[in-house]
N, C-alpha and C. Protein backbone atom coordinates (compact mmCIF):
# COMPACT_ATOMS: atom_id res chain seq x y z
N MET A 1 -26.75 -20.71 -19.27
CA MET A 1 -25.51 -20.05 -18.93
C MET A 1 -24.41 -20.58 -19.85
N ASN A 2 -23.72 -19.69 -20.49
CA ASN A 2 -22.67 -20.06 -21.42
C ASN A 2 -21.35 -20.23 -20.66
N MET A 3 -20.96 -21.49 -20.47
CA MET A 3 -19.77 -21.81 -19.66
C MET A 3 -18.49 -21.30 -20.32
N GLN A 4 -18.39 -21.39 -21.64
CA GLN A 4 -17.18 -20.92 -22.32
C GLN A 4 -17.00 -19.41 -22.15
N LYS A 5 -18.11 -18.68 -22.26
CA LYS A 5 -18.04 -17.23 -22.08
C LYS A 5 -17.64 -16.90 -20.65
N MET A 6 -18.19 -17.60 -19.70
CA MET A 6 -17.86 -17.36 -18.30
C MET A 6 -16.38 -17.64 -18.04
N LEU A 7 -15.87 -18.73 -18.58
CA LEU A 7 -14.45 -19.06 -18.39
C LEU A 7 -13.55 -18.02 -19.06
N LYS A 8 -13.97 -17.56 -20.23
CA LYS A 8 -13.20 -16.54 -20.94
C LYS A 8 -13.20 -15.23 -20.14
N ASP A 9 -14.35 -14.87 -19.58
CA ASP A 9 -14.44 -13.66 -18.75
C ASP A 9 -13.58 -13.79 -17.50
N LEU A 10 -13.58 -14.96 -16.89
CA LEU A 10 -12.75 -15.18 -15.70
C LEU A 10 -11.26 -15.09 -16.05
N GLN A 11 -10.88 -15.59 -17.21
CA GLN A 11 -9.49 -15.51 -17.63
C GLN A 11 -9.09 -14.05 -17.88
N LYS A 12 -9.98 -13.28 -18.48
CA LYS A 12 -9.72 -11.85 -18.69
C LYS A 12 -9.53 -11.15 -17.35
N MET A 13 -10.40 -11.45 -16.39
CA MET A 13 -10.31 -10.83 -15.09
C MET A 13 -9.01 -11.22 -14.40
N GLN A 14 -8.62 -12.49 -14.53
CA GLN A 14 -7.37 -12.96 -13.93
C GLN A 14 -6.17 -12.21 -14.54
N ASN A 15 -6.18 -12.02 -15.85
CA ASN A 15 -5.10 -11.28 -16.50
C ASN A 15 -5.06 -9.83 -16.03
N LYS A 16 -6.24 -9.20 -15.90
CA LYS A 16 -6.30 -7.82 -15.41
C LYS A 16 -5.79 -7.73 -13.98
N MET A 17 -6.17 -8.71 -13.16
CA MET A 17 -5.74 -8.71 -11.76
C MET A 17 -4.23 -8.88 -11.66
N SER A 18 -3.68 -9.74 -12.47
CA SER A 18 -2.24 -9.96 -12.47
C SER A 18 -1.51 -8.68 -12.87
N LYS A 19 -2.02 -8.01 -13.88
CA LYS A 19 -1.41 -6.76 -14.33
C LYS A 19 -1.51 -5.69 -13.24
N ALA A 20 -2.67 -5.60 -12.61
CA ALA A 20 -2.86 -4.61 -11.54
C ALA A 20 -1.92 -4.89 -10.37
N GLN A 21 -1.75 -6.15 -10.01
CA GLN A 21 -0.85 -6.51 -8.92
C GLN A 21 0.59 -6.14 -9.27
N ASP A 22 0.98 -6.39 -10.52
CA ASP A 22 2.33 -6.02 -10.96
C ASP A 22 2.54 -4.51 -10.87
N GLU A 23 1.52 -3.75 -11.29
CA GLU A 23 1.62 -2.29 -11.23
C GLU A 23 1.72 -1.80 -9.79
N LEU A 24 0.93 -2.40 -8.89
CA LEU A 24 0.98 -2.00 -7.48
C LEU A 24 2.34 -2.30 -6.87
N GLN A 25 2.98 -3.36 -7.32
CA GLN A 25 4.30 -3.73 -6.79
C GLN A 25 5.36 -2.70 -7.15
N THR A 26 5.15 -1.94 -8.22
CA THR A 26 6.16 -0.98 -8.67
C THR A 26 5.94 0.41 -8.08
N GLN A 27 4.85 0.63 -7.39
CA GLN A 27 4.56 1.95 -6.85
C GLN A 27 5.23 2.16 -5.50
N SER A 28 5.30 3.43 -5.10
CA SER A 28 5.80 3.80 -3.78
C SER A 28 4.66 4.41 -2.99
N TYR A 29 4.71 4.25 -1.67
CA TYR A 29 3.68 4.77 -0.78
C TYR A 29 4.38 5.61 0.28
N GLU A 30 4.05 6.89 0.32
CA GLU A 30 4.72 7.84 1.20
C GLU A 30 3.74 8.32 2.28
N ALA A 31 4.25 8.48 3.49
CA ALA A 31 3.42 9.00 4.58
C ALA A 31 4.30 9.82 5.51
N GLU A 32 3.63 10.74 6.23
CA GLU A 32 4.32 11.62 7.16
C GLU A 32 3.69 11.52 8.54
N ALA A 33 4.46 11.95 9.53
CA ALA A 33 3.96 12.06 10.90
C ALA A 33 4.56 13.31 11.52
N GLY A 34 3.90 13.80 12.55
CA GLY A 34 4.41 14.98 13.24
C GLY A 34 4.43 16.21 12.36
N GLY A 35 3.41 16.37 11.53
CA GLY A 35 3.35 17.54 10.67
C GLY A 35 4.48 17.62 9.67
N GLY A 36 4.94 16.46 9.20
CA GLY A 36 6.00 16.41 8.21
C GLY A 36 7.39 16.31 8.80
N MET A 37 7.49 16.17 10.11
CA MET A 37 8.80 16.07 10.75
C MET A 37 9.47 14.74 10.42
N VAL A 38 8.66 13.70 10.18
CA VAL A 38 9.18 12.38 9.81
C VAL A 38 8.41 11.90 8.60
N LYS A 39 9.14 11.44 7.59
CA LYS A 39 8.50 10.92 6.37
C LYS A 39 9.11 9.56 6.06
N VAL A 40 8.26 8.61 5.68
CA VAL A 40 8.73 7.29 5.28
C VAL A 40 8.16 6.94 3.91
N ILE A 41 8.89 6.10 3.18
CA ILE A 41 8.43 5.62 1.88
C ILE A 41 8.58 4.11 1.85
N LEU A 42 7.49 3.43 1.44
CA LEU A 42 7.48 1.98 1.26
C LEU A 42 7.41 1.68 -0.22
N ASN A 43 8.01 0.56 -0.63
CA ASN A 43 7.81 0.13 -2.01
C ASN A 43 6.57 -0.77 -2.06
N GLY A 44 6.23 -1.24 -3.23
CA GLY A 44 5.03 -2.04 -3.41
C GLY A 44 5.04 -3.37 -2.69
N GLN A 45 6.21 -3.83 -2.27
CA GLN A 45 6.29 -5.08 -1.51
C GLN A 45 6.17 -4.83 -0.01
N GLY A 46 5.99 -3.56 0.38
CA GLY A 46 5.86 -3.23 1.79
C GLY A 46 7.20 -3.08 2.50
N ILE A 47 8.28 -2.92 1.73
CA ILE A 47 9.60 -2.75 2.31
C ILE A 47 9.89 -1.26 2.47
N LEU A 48 10.32 -0.88 3.65
CA LEU A 48 10.67 0.50 3.93
C LEU A 48 11.92 0.86 3.13
N THR A 49 11.80 1.86 2.24
CA THR A 49 12.93 2.23 1.38
C THR A 49 13.56 3.56 1.75
N SER A 50 12.85 4.38 2.52
CA SER A 50 13.39 5.69 2.86
C SER A 50 12.78 6.21 4.14
N ILE A 51 13.61 6.85 4.95
CA ILE A 51 13.16 7.58 6.13
C ILE A 51 13.81 8.95 6.07
N GLU A 52 13.02 9.99 6.19
CA GLU A 52 13.54 11.36 6.25
C GLU A 52 13.11 11.95 7.58
N ILE A 53 14.09 12.46 8.32
CA ILE A 53 13.82 13.05 9.63
C ILE A 53 14.28 14.50 9.61
N ASN A 54 13.38 15.39 9.94
CA ASN A 54 13.74 16.79 10.05
C ASN A 54 14.73 16.94 11.20
N PRO A 55 15.87 17.58 10.98
CA PRO A 55 16.89 17.71 12.03
C PRO A 55 16.37 18.34 13.32
N GLU A 56 15.32 19.13 13.24
CA GLU A 56 14.75 19.75 14.44
C GLU A 56 14.19 18.70 15.40
N VAL A 57 13.87 17.53 14.89
CA VAL A 57 13.26 16.49 15.71
C VAL A 57 14.30 15.76 16.57
N VAL A 58 15.53 15.71 16.10
CA VAL A 58 16.56 14.92 16.76
C VAL A 58 17.08 15.64 18.00
N ASP A 59 16.69 15.12 19.13
CA ASP A 59 17.12 15.62 20.43
C ASP A 59 17.30 14.40 21.32
N PRO A 60 18.47 14.23 21.88
CA PRO A 60 18.70 13.03 22.72
C PRO A 60 17.64 12.82 23.80
N GLN A 61 17.02 13.90 24.23
CA GLN A 61 15.99 13.80 25.27
C GLN A 61 14.64 13.34 24.70
N GLU A 62 14.52 13.32 23.38
CA GLU A 62 13.23 13.04 22.73
C GLU A 62 13.25 11.79 21.86
N VAL A 63 14.13 10.85 22.15
CA VAL A 63 14.24 9.64 21.34
C VAL A 63 12.91 8.88 21.31
N GLU A 64 12.24 8.78 22.43
CA GLU A 64 10.97 8.05 22.47
C GLU A 64 9.93 8.71 21.57
N ALA A 65 9.87 10.02 21.56
CA ALA A 65 8.93 10.73 20.68
C ALA A 65 9.28 10.47 19.22
N LEU A 66 10.55 10.46 18.90
CA LEU A 66 10.98 10.18 17.53
C LEU A 66 10.57 8.76 17.12
N GLU A 67 10.76 7.82 18.00
CA GLU A 67 10.35 6.44 17.71
C GLU A 67 8.85 6.37 17.45
N ASP A 68 8.06 7.10 18.22
CA ASP A 68 6.61 7.12 18.01
C ASP A 68 6.25 7.73 16.66
N LEU A 69 6.96 8.81 16.27
CA LEU A 69 6.71 9.43 14.97
C LEU A 69 7.05 8.47 13.83
N LEU A 70 8.18 7.77 13.96
CA LEU A 70 8.56 6.80 12.94
C LEU A 70 7.52 5.70 12.81
N MET A 71 7.06 5.18 13.92
CA MET A 71 6.05 4.13 13.92
C MET A 71 4.77 4.63 13.25
N ALA A 72 4.34 5.85 13.58
CA ALA A 72 3.11 6.40 13.00
C ALA A 72 3.23 6.58 11.49
N ALA A 73 4.36 7.13 11.04
CA ALA A 73 4.55 7.34 9.60
C ALA A 73 4.62 6.01 8.86
N PHE A 74 5.35 5.06 9.40
CA PHE A 74 5.47 3.75 8.77
C PHE A 74 4.11 3.07 8.66
N ASN A 75 3.36 3.06 9.75
CA ASN A 75 2.04 2.41 9.73
C ASN A 75 1.09 3.11 8.77
N SER A 76 1.20 4.42 8.65
CA SER A 76 0.37 5.15 7.70
C SER A 76 0.71 4.77 6.26
N ALA A 77 2.00 4.61 5.96
CA ALA A 77 2.41 4.20 4.61
C ALA A 77 1.92 2.79 4.30
N VAL A 78 1.99 1.88 5.27
CA VAL A 78 1.49 0.51 5.09
C VAL A 78 -0.01 0.54 4.80
N LYS A 79 -0.74 1.37 5.53
CA LYS A 79 -2.19 1.48 5.32
C LYS A 79 -2.50 2.01 3.93
N LYS A 80 -1.73 3.00 3.46
CA LYS A 80 -1.94 3.52 2.11
C LYS A 80 -1.73 2.43 1.07
N LYS A 81 -0.69 1.63 1.25
CA LYS A 81 -0.41 0.54 0.32
C LYS A 81 -1.56 -0.46 0.33
N GLU A 82 -2.00 -0.86 1.51
CA GLU A 82 -3.10 -1.83 1.61
C GLU A 82 -4.38 -1.29 1.00
N ASP A 83 -4.66 0.00 1.22
CA ASP A 83 -5.85 0.62 0.63
C ASP A 83 -5.76 0.64 -0.89
N ALA A 84 -4.57 0.90 -1.43
CA ALA A 84 -4.39 0.90 -2.89
C ALA A 84 -4.62 -0.48 -3.47
N VAL A 85 -4.12 -1.51 -2.79
CA VAL A 85 -4.32 -2.89 -3.25
C VAL A 85 -5.81 -3.24 -3.20
N ALA A 86 -6.46 -2.93 -2.09
CA ALA A 86 -7.89 -3.26 -1.95
C ALA A 86 -8.72 -2.52 -3.00
N SER A 87 -8.41 -1.25 -3.23
CA SER A 87 -9.15 -0.47 -4.21
C SER A 87 -8.96 -1.03 -5.61
N SER A 88 -7.74 -1.38 -5.93
CA SER A 88 -7.44 -1.92 -7.26
C SER A 88 -8.17 -3.24 -7.49
N MET A 89 -8.12 -4.12 -6.51
CA MET A 89 -8.80 -5.41 -6.64
C MET A 89 -10.31 -5.24 -6.69
N ASN A 90 -10.83 -4.29 -5.90
CA ASN A 90 -12.27 -4.05 -5.91
C ASN A 90 -12.72 -3.52 -7.27
N ASP A 91 -11.91 -2.63 -7.85
CA ASP A 91 -12.24 -2.12 -9.19
C ASP A 91 -12.29 -3.25 -10.21
N LEU A 92 -11.36 -4.19 -10.10
CA LEU A 92 -11.30 -5.29 -11.07
C LEU A 92 -12.45 -6.28 -10.89
N THR A 93 -12.78 -6.58 -9.65
CA THR A 93 -13.83 -7.57 -9.41
C THR A 93 -15.21 -6.94 -9.39
N GLN A 94 -15.26 -5.62 -9.46
CA GLN A 94 -16.51 -4.88 -9.47
C GLN A 94 -17.44 -5.32 -8.36
N GLY A 95 -16.88 -5.45 -7.14
CA GLY A 95 -17.67 -5.77 -5.97
C GLY A 95 -18.21 -7.19 -5.93
N MET A 96 -17.59 -8.15 -6.66
CA MET A 96 -18.10 -9.51 -6.69
C MET A 96 -17.86 -10.25 -5.38
N ASN A 97 -17.03 -9.70 -4.46
CA ASN A 97 -16.81 -10.31 -3.15
C ASN A 97 -16.30 -11.74 -3.27
N ILE A 98 -15.20 -11.91 -3.98
CA ILE A 98 -14.60 -13.23 -4.17
C ILE A 98 -13.65 -13.50 -3.01
N PRO A 99 -13.87 -14.55 -2.24
CA PRO A 99 -13.03 -14.83 -1.08
C PRO A 99 -11.56 -15.00 -1.47
N GLY A 100 -10.67 -14.41 -0.66
CA GLY A 100 -9.24 -14.57 -0.86
C GLY A 100 -8.60 -13.58 -1.80
N LEU A 101 -9.37 -12.72 -2.44
CA LEU A 101 -8.78 -11.78 -3.38
C LEU A 101 -8.43 -10.44 -2.74
N VAL A 102 -9.09 -10.08 -1.66
CA VAL A 102 -8.79 -8.81 -1.00
C VAL A 102 -8.59 -9.06 0.46
């Protein structure tokens, strides 16, 4: 086993992973709930950057339903972000199953 080659390959993979993580941090993740009545956007750090609410949804009698729609859209956007991170890391490690990377 050539140790120098292995270390060089690991360094290449580390550089690729760092670049992929930087790219993921700059992306936005959008999700909707209630058939598009509520839309949220997260940035790559998982920070909520935008909420759009269709005016038809806003009814003082339906605040609880609106809160549920917001929660659903937000959680969907978080899941999309996490899936993108996992997919990107999996592509880089080619299924090597390295603990702590995903």
